[in-house]
Amino acid sequence: MFGRLIEPQCLCGMFAAMKAFVKHALFLSALALTGCQTKPPLEQMSYGELGQLAGQVQQLCIAQGNKLDTPEYKVCTLQEISREQYNRQTGSDGSL
């Protein structure tokens, strides 16, 4: 009725192809899910996390040529913190 049986060598090749397909599908799924992870809002960050973020903002503003305790530095820090808050709320990837 069926004609002929599938040979074991053919089954091994089919199994290897299916295994490779599943492995790639799992990898792509994991990669897609990592893009969905968002950073918590600033209000939910711990004191230590906020301190690290403040240090990053300070380094960024100094790297832009702003000297500490100048009006330009204060504007820079406010802009960078606002940008970080917006990026966290919208899920953008432009955060520090």
Foldseek 3Di string as FASTA:
>chain_A
DPPDDDDPVVVVVVVVVVVVVVVVVVVVVVVVVVLVDADAAPVPDDPVVVVVLLVVQQVVLVVVVDDPPDPSSVVSSVVLSVVQNVCRVVVNPPHD
